[in-house]
Amino acid sequence: MQAPSYAKLNLRLDVCPKGADGYHPLRGVMVELDVHDDLMVERTDAPGVQWSCNHPDLQMGATNLVTQALLALSKQAHASGGWKVHLTKRIPLQAGLGGGSSNAALALRLGNACLGYPLHEAQLQRLAHTLGSDVPFFLVGKLAWVEGTGEQVMSLTSTYDPWIVLAKPLGGVDTGACYRQWDSRNDPVIERPSMIKALRSNDSEQIQLAMHNDLALAALDLSPEMASLHQTMQTMGFDVLLVCGSGSCLAGLTHSASLAKQNADVLQSYAPFVQVTQFRK
């Protein structure tokens, strides 16, 4: 079985103080983008997970979330045998676009289908939550409010549909380091408009005012490459400029398809990864 595995963009990301478990609960809005990998999953008689991938830098062993997802699925479903996986990677690594989490969620979906659907949706969601805070979102997909450590996901709808230019410098940003930098900055909490209300109103101006990423300044602190690219993109007339997750990809949003294409052409000289995209339909 094969299917596309979509990237995500955090339209809003609020970081809450650490809980007793040492993790920061989050709340905000995520949306899937048209940018995607392709993942193929098949059953094999041999145990374990056999991997192939077009990306030479991808770690394909026990630390890969797809491997963890399929082995956890087999264990919970009491399934013998193993898995064969091929991943065609297009979403850049360490970009804040959720590629690994998206791959893991799709692996659960495809693997569950290969086994004849032994796990129901609530079981898949619980399993996804053990893999990472972004993984449950990708089981719901498209546009959703996410809260806690990813266990609370609520689908949303909106007609807001901007053009998006993604641009990523060569280097990435370590997510753990970004959270530690956010802790050390101790930035003041600023009240912002409700993103849910804005999306439901379909008012572009209100939606853009509600967009924010608490991790943005911490990520820019850690990546001079991204900070330089951010300065360049600030001059290009985007309606909104966002840091994707913990970086290092940036997303410029605009209502103008022609401006998006024009800026993407210019940014080819500034970043190795540049792509024009939209929300997944």
Protein backbone atom coordinates (compact mmCIF):
# COMPACT_ATOMS: atom_id res chain seq x y z
CA MET A 1 0.00 0.00 0.00
CA GLN A 2 1.22 3.47 -0.86
CA ALA A 3 -0.03 6.98 -0.08
CA PRO A 4 1.19 10.59 0.22
CA SER A 5 2.53 11.77 3.59
CA TYR A 6 1.88 15.51 3.93
CA ALA A 7 3.90 18.29 5.57
CA LYS A 8 2.32 20.61 8.15
CA LEU A 9 2.46 24.28 9.05
CA ASN A 10 1.81 25.68 12.52
CA LEU A 11 -0.49 28.65 11.95
CA ARG A 12 -0.46 29.16 15.71
CA LEU A 13 1.85 27.63 18.29
CA ASP A 14 1.56 28.59 21.96
CA VAL A 15 4.08 26.98 24.33
CA CYS A 16 2.86 26.45 27.90
CA PRO A 17 5.01 26.06 31.05
CA LYS A 18 6.53 22.62 31.66
CA GLY A 19 4.30 20.02 33.24
CA ALA A 20 5.27 17.53 35.94
CA ASP A 21 6.54 15.19 33.20
CA GLY A 22 9.12 17.78 32.10
CA TYR A 23 7.43 18.44 28.76
CA HIS A 24 5.90 21.68 27.54
CA PRO A 25 2.18 21.32 26.73
CA LEU A 26 1.29 23.06 23.48
CA ARG A 27 -1.81 24.54 21.96
CA GLY A 28 -2.41 25.88 18.51
CA VAL A 29 -3.54 25.25 14.97
CA MET A 30 -1.86 23.02 12.41
CA VAL A 31 -2.67 22.63 8.74
CA GLU A 32 -1.44 20.09 6.23
CA LEU A 33 0.27 21.36 3.09
CA ASP A 34 0.32 19.97 -0.44
CA VAL A 35 4.05 19.25 -0.06
CA HIS A 36 4.41 15.53 0.62
CA ASP A 37 6.56 12.43 0.80
CA ASP A 38 5.33 9.10 -0.58
CA LEU A 39 5.31 6.09 1.73
CA MET A 40 4.88 2.45 0.74
CA VAL A 41 4.24 -0.21 3.39
CA GLU A 42 3.99 -3.98 2.74
CA ARG A 43 3.86 -7.10 4.91
CA THR A 44 6.76 -9.58 4.92
CA ASP A 45 7.27 -13.00 6.47
CA ALA A 46 10.57 -11.96 8.05
CA PRO A 47 10.33 -10.05 11.35
CA GLY A 48 11.48 -6.47 11.70
CA VAL A 49 11.35 -3.57 9.24
CA GLN A 50 13.20 -3.62 5.90
CA TRP A 51 13.90 -0.08 4.70
CA SER A 52 14.71 1.76 1.50
CA CYS A 53 14.68 5.52 0.96
CA ASN A 54 15.84 8.01 -1.68
CA HIS A 55 17.32 10.36 0.97
CA PRO A 56 20.91 9.44 1.95
CA ASP A 57 20.80 11.29 5.30
CA LEU A 58 17.63 9.72 6.67
CA GLN A 59 18.15 7.48 9.70
CA MET A 60 16.30 4.26 8.89
CA GLY A 61 17.00 2.18 12.00
CA ALA A 62 15.31 1.82 15.38
CA THR A 63 15.25 5.59 15.97
CA ASN A 64 13.07 6.25 12.92
CA LEU A 65 9.44 6.93 13.82
CA VAL A 66 8.14 4.77 10.96
CA THR A 67 10.07 1.79 12.32
CA GLN A 68 8.77 2.49 15.82
CA ALA A 69 5.21 2.90 14.56
CA LEU A 70 5.14 -0.37 12.65
CA LEU A 71 6.77 -2.40 15.41
CA ALA A 72 4.37 -0.93 17.98
CA LEU A 73 1.43 -1.68 15.68
CA SER A 74 2.55 -5.30 15.23
CA LYS A 75 2.89 -5.73 18.99
CA GLN A 76 -0.51 -4.26 19.79
CA ALA A 77 -2.23 -6.20 16.99
CA HIS A 78 -0.40 -9.43 17.95
CA ALA A 79 0.76 -9.73 14.34
CA SER A 80 3.58 -12.03 13.26
CA GLY A 81 5.97 -11.30 10.42
CA GLY A 82 7.38 -7.92 9.58
CA TRP A 83 7.33 -4.98 7.21
CA LYS A 84 8.88 -3.63 4.04
CA VAL A 85 9.01 0.16 3.75
CA HIS A 86 9.99 2.49 0.93
CA LEU A 87 9.96 6.24 1.51
CA THR A 88 10.32 8.82 -1.24
CA LYS A 89 11.41 11.86 0.73
CA ARG A 90 10.54 15.39 -0.44
CA ILE A 91 9.86 17.13 2.87
CA PRO A 92 13.24 18.43 4.09
CA LEU A 93 14.71 17.11 7.35
CA GLN A 94 14.91 19.29 10.48
CA ALA A 95 12.61 21.84 8.89
CA GLY A 96 9.75 22.05 11.40
CA LEU A 97 7.37 20.70 8.74
CA GLY A 98 6.57 17.49 10.61
CA GLY A 99 7.84 15.07 7.97
CA GLY A 100 8.86 12.32 10.39
CA SER A 101 5.62 12.57 12.37
CA SER A 102 3.58 12.53 9.18
CA ASN A 103 5.43 9.44 7.96
CA ALA A 104 4.77 7.69 11.29
CA ALA A 105 1.05 8.47 11.26
CA LEU A 106 0.70 7.22 7.70
CA ALA A 107 2.67 4.08 8.57
CA LEU A 108 0.09 3.36 11.29
CA ARG A 109 -2.75 3.89 8.80
CA LEU A 110 -1.26 1.76 6.04
CA GLY A 111 -0.01 -0.91 8.43
CA ASN A 112 -3.40 -1.19 10.09
CA ALA A 113 -5.00 -1.59 6.66
CA CYS A 114 -2.47 -4.29 5.68
CA LEU A 115 -3.42 -6.22 8.83
CA GLY A 116 -7.15 -5.99 8.13
CA TYR A 117 -7.90 -3.07 10.49
CA PRO A 118 -7.40 -4.77 13.88
CA LEU A 119 -7.10 -1.39 15.66
CA HIS A 120 -9.96 1.10 15.78
CA GLU A 121 -9.46 4.86 15.54
CA ALA A 122 -9.14 5.52 19.29
CA GLN A 123 -6.48 2.82 19.57
CA LEU A 124 -4.55 4.30 16.66
CA GLN A 125 -4.72 7.73 18.29
CA ARG A 126 -3.37 6.39 21.59
CA LEU A 127 -0.57 4.59 19.77
CA ALA A 128 0.24 7.74 17.77
CA HIS A 129 0.52 9.76 20.99
CA THR A 130 3.26 7.44 22.27
CA LEU A 131 5.33 8.24 19.17
CA GLY A 132 5.35 12.04 19.39
CA SER A 133 3.23 15.11 19.98
CA ASP A 134 2.66 15.85 16.27
CA VAL A 135 1.77 12.30 15.21
CA PRO A 136 -1.90 12.31 16.40
CA PHE A 137 -2.59 15.44 14.33
CA PHE A 138 -1.63 13.64 11.13
CA LEU A 139 -4.20 10.91 11.80
CA VAL A 140 -6.85 13.65 11.77
CA GLY A 141 -5.16 15.78 9.13
CA LYS A 142 -6.03 18.87 7.11
CA LEU A 143 -6.82 21.71 9.56
CA ALA A 144 -7.07 21.14 13.31
CA TRP A 145 -6.71 22.61 16.79
CA VAL A 146 -4.12 20.67 18.82
CA GLU A 147 -3.61 20.87 22.58
CA GLY A 148 -1.66 19.24 25.42
CA THR A 149 1.13 16.96 24.27
CA GLY A 150 -0.76 16.24 21.07
CA GLU A 151 -3.48 14.05 22.56
CA GLN A 152 -6.27 16.58 22.00
CA VAL A 153 -7.03 17.16 18.31
CA MET A 154 -10.16 18.89 16.99
CA SER A 155 -10.88 19.26 13.26
CA LEU A 156 -11.56 22.76 11.95
CA THR A 157 -12.80 24.16 8.65
CA SER A 158 -12.10 27.48 6.97
CA THR A 159 -12.16 28.96 3.49
CA TYR A 160 -8.86 30.79 4.13
CA ASP A 161 -6.51 29.53 1.42
CA PRO A 162 -3.28 31.52 0.97
CA TRP A 163 -0.33 30.84 -1.29
CA ILE A 164 2.70 29.77 0.74
CA VAL A 165 6.39 30.02 -0.11
CA LEU A 166 8.54 27.61 1.92
CA ALA A 167 12.25 28.37 2.16
CA LYS A 168 14.78 26.43 4.22
CA PRO A 169 18.49 27.10 4.71
CA LEU A 170 20.95 24.21 4.58
CA GLY A 171 21.20 23.71 8.36
CA GLY A 172 18.46 22.52 10.70
CA VAL A 173 17.46 23.35 14.26
CA ASP A 174 17.40 20.73 17.01
CA THR A 175 13.93 20.72 18.58
CA GLY A 176 15.17 20.06 22.12
CA ALA A 177 17.70 22.88 21.86
CA CYS A 178 14.98 25.20 20.62
CA TYR A 179 12.79 24.51 23.67
CA ARG A 180 15.77 25.03 25.98
CA GLN A 181 16.45 28.35 24.28
CA TRP A 182 12.77 29.30 24.66
CA ASP A 183 13.03 28.51 28.39
CA SER A 184 16.12 30.67 28.77
CA ARG A 185 14.62 33.64 26.90
CA ASN A 186 11.66 33.91 29.28
CA ASP A 187 9.73 36.05 26.77
CA PRO A 188 6.62 37.82 28.12
CA VAL A 189 3.22 36.27 27.36
CA ILE A 190 1.26 38.41 24.89
CA GLU A 191 -2.49 38.04 24.51
CA ARG A 192 -3.42 37.39 20.88
CA PRO A 193 -6.71 37.01 19.01
CA SER A 194 -8.36 33.58 19.04
CA MET A 195 -7.24 31.58 16.03
CA ILE A 196 -10.31 29.33 16.17
CA LYS A 197 -12.69 32.31 16.05
CA ALA A 198 -10.66 33.91 13.27
CA LEU A 199 -10.70 30.74 11.14
CA ARG A 200 -14.42 30.26 11.65
CA SER A 201 -15.03 33.85 10.57
CA ASN A 202 -13.02 33.23 7.36
CA ASP A 203 -11.71 36.79 7.78
CA SER A 204 -8.20 36.82 6.29
CA GLU A 205 -7.10 39.89 8.25
CA GLN A 206 -8.20 38.40 11.58
CA ILE A 207 -6.63 35.06 10.76
CA GLN A 208 -3.30 36.71 9.96
CA LEU A 209 -3.42 38.75 13.19
CA ALA A 210 -3.95 35.52 15.15
CA MET A 211 -0.96 33.75 13.60
CA HIS A 212 2.03 33.35 15.91
CA ASN A 213 4.76 30.89 16.86
CA ASP A 214 6.16 31.12 20.39
CA LEU A 215 9.28 29.21 19.31
CA ALA A 216 10.16 31.60 16.48
CA LEU A 217 12.61 33.87 18.30
CA ALA A 218 14.33 30.94 20.01
CA ALA A 219 14.75 29.18 16.66
CA LEU A 220 16.13 32.33 15.02
CA ASP A 221 18.61 32.67 17.92
CA LEU A 222 19.99 29.21 17.14
CA SER A 223 20.30 29.53 13.36
CA PRO A 224 22.14 32.53 11.88
CA GLU A 225 21.35 31.08 8.42
CA MET A 226 17.63 31.15 9.16
CA ALA A 227 17.84 34.59 10.76
CA SER A 228 19.49 35.96 7.61
CA LEU A 229 16.88 34.32 5.38
CA HIS A 230 14.15 35.67 7.65
CA GLN A 231 15.48 39.22 7.19
CA THR A 232 15.43 38.76 3.41
CA MET A 233 11.87 37.41 3.37
CA GLN A 234 10.64 40.26 5.59
CA THR A 235 11.29 42.64 2.68
CA MET A 236 9.36 40.61 0.10
CA GLY A 237 5.79 41.75 0.75
CA PHE A 238 4.33 38.62 2.34
CA ASP A 239 1.14 39.09 4.35
CA VAL A 240 2.64 36.93 7.13
CA LEU A 241 6.05 35.37 7.68
CA LEU A 242 6.17 32.33 9.98
CA VAL A 243 8.87 30.09 11.40
CA CYS A 244 7.76 26.50 10.79
CA GLY A 245 7.62 24.71 14.15
CA SER A 246 11.08 24.84 15.72
CA GLY A 247 12.68 25.65 12.33
CA SER A 248 14.61 25.91 10.20
CA CYS A 249 12.07 26.31 7.40
CA LEU A 250 10.27 29.65 6.93
CA ALA A 251 6.83 30.16 5.40
CA GLY A 252 5.75 33.33 3.64
CA LEU A 253 1.98 33.58 3.19
CA THR A 254 0.29 35.75 0.57
CA HIS A 255 -3.06 36.07 -1.19
CA SER A 256 -1.23 36.60 -4.50
CA ALA A 257 -0.20 33.62 -6.62
CA SER A 258 2.00 35.85 -8.79
CA LEU A 259 3.82 37.32 -5.77
CA ALA A 260 4.39 33.82 -4.39
CA LYS A 261 5.95 32.63 -7.65
CA GLN A 262 8.01 35.81 -8.04
CA ASN A 263 9.39 35.55 -4.51
CA ALA A 264 10.09 31.85 -4.87
CA ASP A 265 12.16 32.55 -7.99
CA VAL A 266 14.19 35.17 -6.10
CA LEU A 267 14.66 32.93 -3.04
CA GLN A 268 16.28 30.20 -5.14
CA SER A 269 19.46 32.28 -4.79
CA TYR A 270 19.17 32.37 -0.99
CA ALA A 271 18.08 28.87 0.07
CA PRO A 272 18.62 25.29 -1.19
CA PHE A 273 14.98 24.34 -0.60
CA VAL A 274 12.25 26.63 -1.94
CA GLN A 275 8.73 25.55 -2.83
CA VAL A 276 5.37 27.19 -3.49
CA THR A 277 2.48 25.34 -1.93
CA GLN A 278 -1.03 25.67 -0.51
CA PHE A 279 -3.13 24.02 2.18
CA ARG A 280 -4.00 20.41 1.47
CA LYS A 281 -7.53 20.23 0.05
